[in-house]
Amino acid sequence: MPHIIVEYSDNLRTDIEALIDVVHTAALVDGLADVDGLRTRAAVRTNFRVATGDPDFAFVAITARMGPGRSREATTRFLTALLDAAERHVGVEQPVAWSAEVQEIDPEVRINRNRIRDHLRERQ
C-alpha cells in the first residue's frame, strides 16, 4: 500500500500516462510504500468547473489511500513528494488547482488479496 489515485479534469494538457509514471516513481523513491502494495491510477473527470469556470482552468487531486501506523512527518513527506513530482511534470503553462491528501484505510473493514508479493519473492 498505498493506493494512489490521480483525479484530473479532462482539459488538463499533459501526457497522463507519463503523469502516472512520475507519481508512481516518486512514491517508490520516497520509500514509504512497500513495492508490492503500491498501485497508482488515474481517473478523468469530464464534468467539472474550476473557479470562475474558465475552460482553461484545470484541476489535479491526488489521493493516497493507505493503512494506519505511519508518522505524520513521513506521511507529509510522501504526499509532498507526489505533489511536487506531478507539478514538475505538468509545468506552469496551464492554470491548475492542485490538491493532495491521505485517506487512512481501516484494516478492520478491508479485505486485501495480493498475489504480487508471491511473484516478487519468486523473482528474487
N, C-alpha and C. Protein backbone atom coordinates (compact mmCIF):
# COMPACT_ATOMS: atom_id res chain seq x y z
N MET A 1 0.86 -1.15 0.00
CA MET A 1 0.00 0.00 0.00
C MET A 1 0.91 1.21 0.00
N PRO A 2 0.65 2.31 -0.48
CA PRO A 2 -0.67 2.90 -0.68
C PRO A 2 -1.22 2.71 -2.10
N HIS A 3 -2.49 3.06 -2.20
CA HIS A 3 -3.14 3.15 -3.49
C HIS A 3 -3.23 4.64 -3.79
N ILE A 4 -2.71 5.04 -4.92
CA ILE A 4 -2.67 6.45 -5.28
C ILE A 4 -3.63 6.68 -6.44
N ILE A 5 -4.54 7.61 -6.27
CA ILE A 5 -5.49 7.96 -7.32
C ILE A 5 -5.21 9.39 -7.74
N VAL A 6 -4.94 9.57 -9.01
CA VAL A 6 -4.74 10.90 -9.57
C VAL A 6 -6.00 11.25 -10.35
N GLU A 7 -6.83 12.07 -9.75
CA GLU A 7 -8.07 12.52 -10.38
C GLU A 7 -7.75 13.82 -11.10
N TYR A 8 -8.23 13.97 -12.33
CA TYR A 8 -7.88 15.16 -13.10
C TYR A 8 -9.01 15.57 -14.04
N SER A 9 -9.06 16.85 -14.34
CA SER A 9 -10.05 17.35 -15.29
C SER A 9 -9.60 17.02 -16.70
N ASP A 10 -10.57 16.75 -17.58
CA ASP A 10 -10.21 16.29 -18.92
C ASP A 10 -9.62 17.38 -19.81
N ASN A 11 -9.53 18.59 -19.29
CA ASN A 11 -8.87 19.64 -20.06
C ASN A 11 -7.39 19.80 -19.68
N LEU A 12 -6.89 18.94 -18.81
CA LEU A 12 -5.50 19.02 -18.39
C LEU A 12 -4.61 18.68 -19.58
N ARG A 13 -3.72 19.61 -19.89
CA ARG A 13 -2.85 19.44 -21.07
C ARG A 13 -1.52 18.79 -20.66
N THR A 14 -1.54 17.48 -20.59
CA THR A 14 -0.32 16.74 -20.27
C THR A 14 -0.50 15.30 -20.71
N ASP A 15 0.58 14.58 -20.76
CA ASP A 15 0.57 13.15 -21.05
C ASP A 15 0.22 12.43 -19.75
N ILE A 16 -0.99 11.90 -19.68
CA ILE A 16 -1.49 11.29 -18.43
C ILE A 16 -0.69 10.04 -18.08
N GLU A 17 -0.35 9.24 -19.06
CA GLU A 17 0.45 8.03 -18.78
C GLU A 17 1.78 8.42 -18.13
N ALA A 18 2.41 9.48 -18.64
CA ALA A 18 3.67 9.95 -18.07
C ALA A 18 3.44 10.54 -16.67
N LEU A 19 2.32 11.21 -16.47
CA LEU A 19 1.99 11.76 -15.14
C LEU A 19 1.88 10.63 -14.12
N ILE A 20 1.19 9.57 -14.48
CA ILE A 20 1.06 8.42 -13.58
C ILE A 20 2.44 7.83 -13.29
N ASP A 21 3.27 7.76 -14.31
CA ASP A 21 4.62 7.21 -14.12
C ASP A 21 5.44 8.05 -13.15
N VAL A 22 5.40 9.38 -13.27
CA VAL A 22 6.22 10.21 -12.38
C VAL A 22 5.69 10.17 -10.94
N VAL A 23 4.39 10.10 -10.78
CA VAL A 23 3.82 10.00 -9.42
C VAL A 23 4.18 8.65 -8.81
N HIS A 24 4.05 7.58 -9.58
CA HIS A 24 4.39 6.24 -9.10
C HIS A 24 5.88 6.16 -8.73
N THR A 25 6.71 6.71 -9.59
CA THR A 25 8.15 6.72 -9.33
C THR A 25 8.49 7.51 -8.08
N ALA A 26 7.83 8.64 -7.88
CA ALA A 26 8.06 9.45 -6.67
C ALA A 26 7.71 8.65 -5.43
N ALA A 27 6.64 7.87 -5.50
CA ALA A 27 6.25 7.03 -4.37
C ALA A 27 7.31 5.96 -4.10
N LEU A 28 7.83 5.37 -5.15
CA LEU A 28 8.88 4.35 -4.99
C LEU A 28 10.15 4.95 -4.39
N VAL A 29 10.55 6.10 -4.91
CA VAL A 29 11.78 6.74 -4.44
C VAL A 29 11.66 7.16 -2.98
N ASP A 30 10.49 7.64 -2.59
CA ASP A 30 10.30 8.07 -1.21
C ASP A 30 10.51 6.92 -0.23
N GLY A 31 10.07 5.74 -0.59
CA GLY A 31 10.30 4.57 0.24
C GLY A 31 9.26 4.30 1.30
N LEU A 32 8.28 5.15 1.46
CA LEU A 32 7.24 4.92 2.46
C LEU A 32 6.40 3.70 2.10
N ALA A 33 6.19 3.52 0.81
CA ALA A 33 5.31 2.46 0.33
C ALA A 33 6.08 1.18 0.06
N ASP A 34 5.49 0.05 0.43
CA ASP A 34 6.03 -1.24 0.03
C ASP A 34 5.75 -1.43 -1.46
N VAL A 35 6.75 -1.87 -2.19
CA VAL A 35 6.62 -2.01 -3.64
C VAL A 35 5.45 -2.93 -4.01
N ASP A 36 5.29 -4.01 -3.29
CA ASP A 36 4.27 -4.99 -3.67
C ASP A 36 2.85 -4.50 -3.45
N GLY A 37 2.67 -3.45 -2.68
CA GLY A 37 1.33 -2.94 -2.42
C GLY A 37 1.03 -1.63 -3.13
N LEU A 38 2.00 -1.10 -3.84
CA LEU A 38 1.83 0.21 -4.47
C LEU A 38 1.03 0.10 -5.76
N ARG A 39 0.00 0.92 -5.85
CA ARG A 39 -0.82 0.99 -7.06
C ARG A 39 -1.09 2.46 -7.35
N THR A 40 -0.93 2.84 -8.59
CA THR A 40 -1.19 4.22 -8.99
C THR A 40 -2.09 4.20 -10.21
N ARG A 41 -3.14 4.99 -10.16
CA ARG A 41 -4.10 5.00 -11.26
C ARG A 41 -4.66 6.40 -11.44
N ALA A 42 -5.26 6.62 -12.60
CA ALA A 42 -5.83 7.93 -12.91
C ALA A 42 -7.34 7.80 -13.12
N ALA A 43 -8.04 8.88 -12.81
CA ALA A 43 -9.48 8.96 -13.02
C ALA A 43 -9.78 10.33 -13.62
N VAL A 44 -10.24 10.33 -14.85
CA VAL A 44 -10.56 11.58 -15.52
C VAL A 44 -11.97 12.03 -15.15
N ARG A 45 -12.14 13.33 -15.03
CA ARG A 45 -13.46 13.92 -14.77
C ARG A 45 -13.82 14.80 -15.97
N THR A 46 -14.92 14.44 -16.61
CA THR A 46 -15.34 15.20 -17.79
C THR A 46 -16.34 16.29 -17.45
N ASN A 47 -17.02 16.17 -16.34
CA ASN A 47 -17.98 17.18 -15.90
C ASN A 47 -17.42 17.87 -14.67
N PHE A 48 -17.01 19.11 -14.81
CA PHE A 48 -16.36 19.82 -13.71
C PHE A 48 -16.42 21.33 -13.97
N ARG A 49 -16.18 22.08 -12.94
CA ARG A 49 -15.96 23.53 -13.02
C ARG A 49 -14.84 23.85 -12.04
N VAL A 50 -13.96 24.74 -12.43
CA VAL A 50 -12.88 25.20 -11.56
C VAL A 50 -12.99 26.72 -11.49
N ALA A 51 -13.03 27.23 -10.27
CA ALA A 51 -13.06 28.68 -10.00
C ALA A 51 -14.18 29.35 -10.81
N THR A 52 -13.84 30.25 -11.72
CA THR A 52 -14.83 31.01 -12.47
C THR A 52 -15.45 30.23 -13.62
N GLY A 53 -14.97 29.01 -13.84
CA GLY A 53 -15.47 28.22 -14.96
C GLY A 53 -14.71 28.44 -16.24
N ASP A 54 -13.63 29.22 -16.19
CA ASP A 54 -12.78 29.44 -17.37
C ASP A 54 -12.39 28.07 -17.93
N PRO A 55 -12.62 27.82 -19.22
CA PRO A 55 -12.35 26.50 -19.79
C PRO A 55 -10.88 26.10 -19.78
N ASP A 56 -9.99 27.04 -19.50
CA ASP A 56 -8.56 26.72 -19.42
C ASP A 56 -8.16 26.24 -18.03
N PHE A 57 -8.98 26.54 -17.02
CA PHE A 57 -8.65 26.14 -15.65
C PHE A 57 -8.83 24.63 -15.49
N ALA A 58 -7.82 23.99 -14.92
CA ALA A 58 -7.84 22.54 -14.74
C ALA A 58 -7.63 22.21 -13.27
N PHE A 59 -7.82 20.94 -12.93
CA PHE A 59 -7.51 20.52 -11.57
C PHE A 59 -6.85 19.15 -11.58
N VAL A 60 -6.05 18.92 -10.54
CA VAL A 60 -5.49 17.60 -10.24
C VAL A 60 -5.64 17.39 -8.75
N ALA A 61 -6.25 16.28 -8.38
CA ALA A 61 -6.42 15.92 -6.97
C ALA A 61 -5.79 14.55 -6.76
N ILE A 62 -4.75 14.52 -5.94
CA ILE A 62 -4.05 13.26 -5.67
C ILE A 62 -4.49 12.75 -4.30
N THR A 63 -4.98 11.54 -4.28
CA THR A 63 -5.38 10.90 -3.03
C THR A 63 -4.53 9.66 -2.83
N ALA A 64 -3.91 9.57 -1.67
CA ALA A 64 -3.15 8.37 -1.32
C ALA A 64 -3.91 7.66 -0.21
N ARG A 65 -4.42 6.49 -0.51
CA ARG A 65 -5.15 5.68 0.48
C ARG A 65 -4.15 4.69 1.06
N MET A 66 -3.99 4.69 2.37
CA MET A 66 -3.02 3.79 3.00
C MET A 66 -3.45 3.38 4.39
N GLY A 67 -2.84 2.32 4.84
CA GLY A 67 -3.14 1.82 6.17
C GLY A 67 -2.56 2.72 7.24
N PRO A 68 -3.02 2.56 8.46
CA PRO A 68 -2.55 3.40 9.58
C PRO A 68 -1.15 2.99 10.03
N GLY A 69 -0.58 3.84 10.90
CA GLY A 69 0.67 3.49 11.54
C GLY A 69 1.88 4.26 11.08
N ARG A 70 1.72 5.12 10.12
CA ARG A 70 2.85 5.92 9.65
C ARG A 70 2.85 7.26 10.38
N SER A 71 4.02 7.80 10.61
CA SER A 71 4.11 9.08 11.31
C SER A 71 3.57 10.20 10.42
N ARG A 72 3.12 11.26 11.06
CA ARG A 72 2.64 12.43 10.31
C ARG A 72 3.75 13.00 9.45
N GLU A 73 4.96 13.03 9.98
CA GLU A 73 6.11 13.57 9.24
C GLU A 73 6.38 12.74 7.97
N ALA A 74 6.40 11.42 8.11
CA ALA A 74 6.64 10.56 6.95
C ALA A 74 5.52 10.67 5.93
N THR A 75 4.29 10.74 6.41
CA THR A 75 3.14 10.86 5.51
C THR A 75 3.16 12.18 4.76
N THR A 76 3.47 13.26 5.46
CA THR A 76 3.55 14.58 4.82
C THR A 76 4.67 14.62 3.79
N ARG A 77 5.82 14.05 4.14
CA ARG A 77 6.95 13.99 3.19
C ARG A 77 6.54 13.23 1.94
N PHE A 78 5.88 12.09 2.11
CA PHE A 78 5.43 11.26 1.00
C PHE A 78 4.46 12.03 0.10
N LEU A 79 3.47 12.64 0.71
CA LEU A 79 2.45 13.37 -0.05
C LEU A 79 3.07 14.55 -0.80
N THR A 80 4.00 15.24 -0.16
CA THR A 80 4.69 16.36 -0.81
C THR A 80 5.50 15.88 -2.00
N ALA A 81 6.14 14.73 -1.87
CA ALA A 81 6.93 14.18 -2.98
C ALA A 81 6.04 13.88 -4.18
N LEU A 82 4.86 13.33 -3.94
CA LEU A 82 3.93 13.03 -5.03
C LEU A 82 3.47 14.30 -5.72
N LEU A 83 3.06 15.27 -4.92
CA LEU A 83 2.55 16.52 -5.47
C LEU A 83 3.64 17.28 -6.23
N ASP A 84 4.84 17.34 -5.66
CA ASP A 84 5.95 18.03 -6.33
C ASP A 84 6.27 17.38 -7.68
N ALA A 85 6.30 16.05 -7.71
CA ALA A 85 6.60 15.35 -8.97
C ALA A 85 5.53 15.63 -10.02
N ALA A 86 4.28 15.61 -9.61
CA ALA A 86 3.18 15.87 -10.54
C ALA A 86 3.24 17.30 -11.08
N GLU A 87 3.47 18.25 -10.20
CA GLU A 87 3.55 19.65 -10.63
C GLU A 87 4.71 19.89 -11.59
N ARG A 88 5.86 19.29 -11.29
CA ARG A 88 7.01 19.43 -12.20
C ARG A 88 6.68 18.87 -13.57
N HIS A 89 5.99 17.75 -13.60
CA HIS A 89 5.64 17.13 -14.87
C HIS A 89 4.70 18.01 -15.69
N VAL A 90 3.67 18.52 -15.05
CA VAL A 90 2.65 19.29 -15.77
C VAL A 90 3.18 20.67 -16.15
N GLY A 91 3.98 21.28 -15.29
CA GLY A 91 4.51 22.60 -15.59
C GLY A 91 3.55 23.71 -15.18
N VAL A 92 3.86 24.91 -15.60
CA VAL A 92 3.10 26.08 -15.16
C VAL A 92 2.36 26.79 -16.30
N GLU A 93 2.38 26.22 -17.50
CA GLU A 93 1.74 26.89 -18.64
C GLU A 93 0.23 26.99 -18.50
N GLN A 94 -0.38 26.00 -17.85
CA GLN A 94 -1.83 25.98 -17.68
C GLN A 94 -2.15 26.23 -16.21
N PRO A 95 -3.17 27.05 -15.93
CA PRO A 95 -3.57 27.24 -14.53
C PRO A 95 -4.25 25.98 -13.99
N VAL A 96 -3.64 25.39 -12.97
CA VAL A 96 -4.13 24.13 -12.40
C VAL A 96 -4.35 24.32 -10.90
N ALA A 97 -5.48 23.89 -10.41
CA ALA A 97 -5.75 23.83 -8.97
C ALA A 97 -5.28 22.46 -8.50
N TRP A 98 -4.34 22.44 -7.59
CA TRP A 98 -3.72 21.21 -7.10
C TRP A 98 -4.22 20.89 -5.69
N SER A 99 -4.39 19.60 -5.41
CA SER A 99 -4.64 19.18 -4.03
C SER A 99 -4.07 17.77 -3.85
N ALA A 100 -3.75 17.47 -2.61
CA ALA A 100 -3.24 16.14 -2.27
C ALA A 100 -3.67 15.83 -0.85
N GLU A 101 -4.07 14.60 -0.63
CA GLU A 101 -4.48 14.21 0.72
C GLU A 101 -4.25 12.72 0.93
N VAL A 102 -4.20 12.35 2.19
CA VAL A 102 -4.10 10.95 2.58
C VAL A 102 -5.43 10.55 3.20
N GLN A 103 -5.89 9.38 2.84
CA GLN A 103 -7.06 8.78 3.47
C GLN A 103 -6.60 7.47 4.11
N GLU A 104 -6.75 7.38 5.41
CA GLU A 104 -6.36 6.16 6.11
C GLU A 104 -7.42 5.09 5.94
N ILE A 105 -6.97 3.89 5.62
CA ILE A 105 -7.86 2.75 5.45
C ILE A 105 -7.97 2.00 6.78
N ASP A 106 -9.17 1.73 7.21
CA ASP A 106 -9.40 0.98 8.44
C ASP A 106 -9.19 -0.51 8.14
N PRO A 107 -8.15 -1.13 8.69
CA PRO A 107 -7.87 -2.53 8.37
C PRO A 107 -8.95 -3.50 8.83
N GLU A 108 -9.81 -3.09 9.75
CA GLU A 108 -10.87 -3.97 10.22
C GLU A 108 -12.01 -4.13 9.22
N VAL A 109 -12.10 -3.21 8.28
CA VAL A 109 -13.17 -3.29 7.29
C VAL A 109 -12.59 -3.31 5.87
N ARG A 110 -11.47 -3.99 5.72
CA ARG A 110 -10.81 -4.08 4.43
C ARG A 110 -10.35 -5.51 4.21
N ILE A 111 -10.56 -6.00 3.00
CA ILE A 111 -10.05 -7.31 2.60
C ILE A 111 -9.06 -7.07 1.47
N ASN A 112 -7.88 -7.66 1.59
CA ASN A 112 -6.85 -7.48 0.58
C ASN A 112 -6.27 -8.83 0.22
N ARG A 113 -6.25 -9.13 -1.05
CA ARG A 113 -5.63 -10.37 -1.56
C ARG A 113 -4.62 -9.96 -2.60
N ASN A 114 -3.35 -10.06 -2.25
CA ASN A 114 -2.28 -9.57 -3.12
C ASN A 114 -1.40 -10.74 -3.56
N ARG A 115 -1.54 -11.15 -4.79
CA ARG A 115 -0.74 -12.25 -5.34
C ARG A 115 0.60 -11.75 -5.89
N ILE A 116 0.78 -10.45 -5.95
CA ILE A 116 2.02 -9.87 -6.47
C ILE A 116 3.18 -10.18 -5.54
N ARG A 117 2.95 -10.18 -4.24
CA ARG A 117 4.02 -10.47 -3.28
C ARG A 117 4.69 -11.82 -3.59
N ASP A 118 3.87 -12.84 -3.85
CA ASP A 118 4.41 -14.17 -4.18
C ASP A 118 5.27 -14.12 -5.44
N HIS A 119 4.81 -13.43 -6.45
CA HIS A 119 5.56 -13.33 -7.71
C HIS A 119 6.88 -12.59 -7.51
N LEU A 120 6.87 -11.54 -6.71
CA LEU A 120 8.10 -10.81 -6.44
C LEU A 120 9.10 -11.68 -5.69
N ARG A 121 8.62 -12.44 -4.72
CA ARG A 121 9.51 -13.34 -3.97
C ARG A 121 10.13 -14.40 -4.90
N GLU A 122 9.35 -14.93 -5.81
CA GLU A 122 9.85 -15.94 -6.74
C GLU A 122 10.91 -15.39 -7.67
N ARG A 123 10.82 -14.12 -8.01
CA ARG A 123 11.79 -13.50 -8.93
C ARG A 123 13.12 -13.22 -8.24
N GLN A 124 13.12 -13.16 -6.91
CA GLN A 124 14.35 -12.82 -6.19
C GLN A 124 15.25 -14.01 -6.02
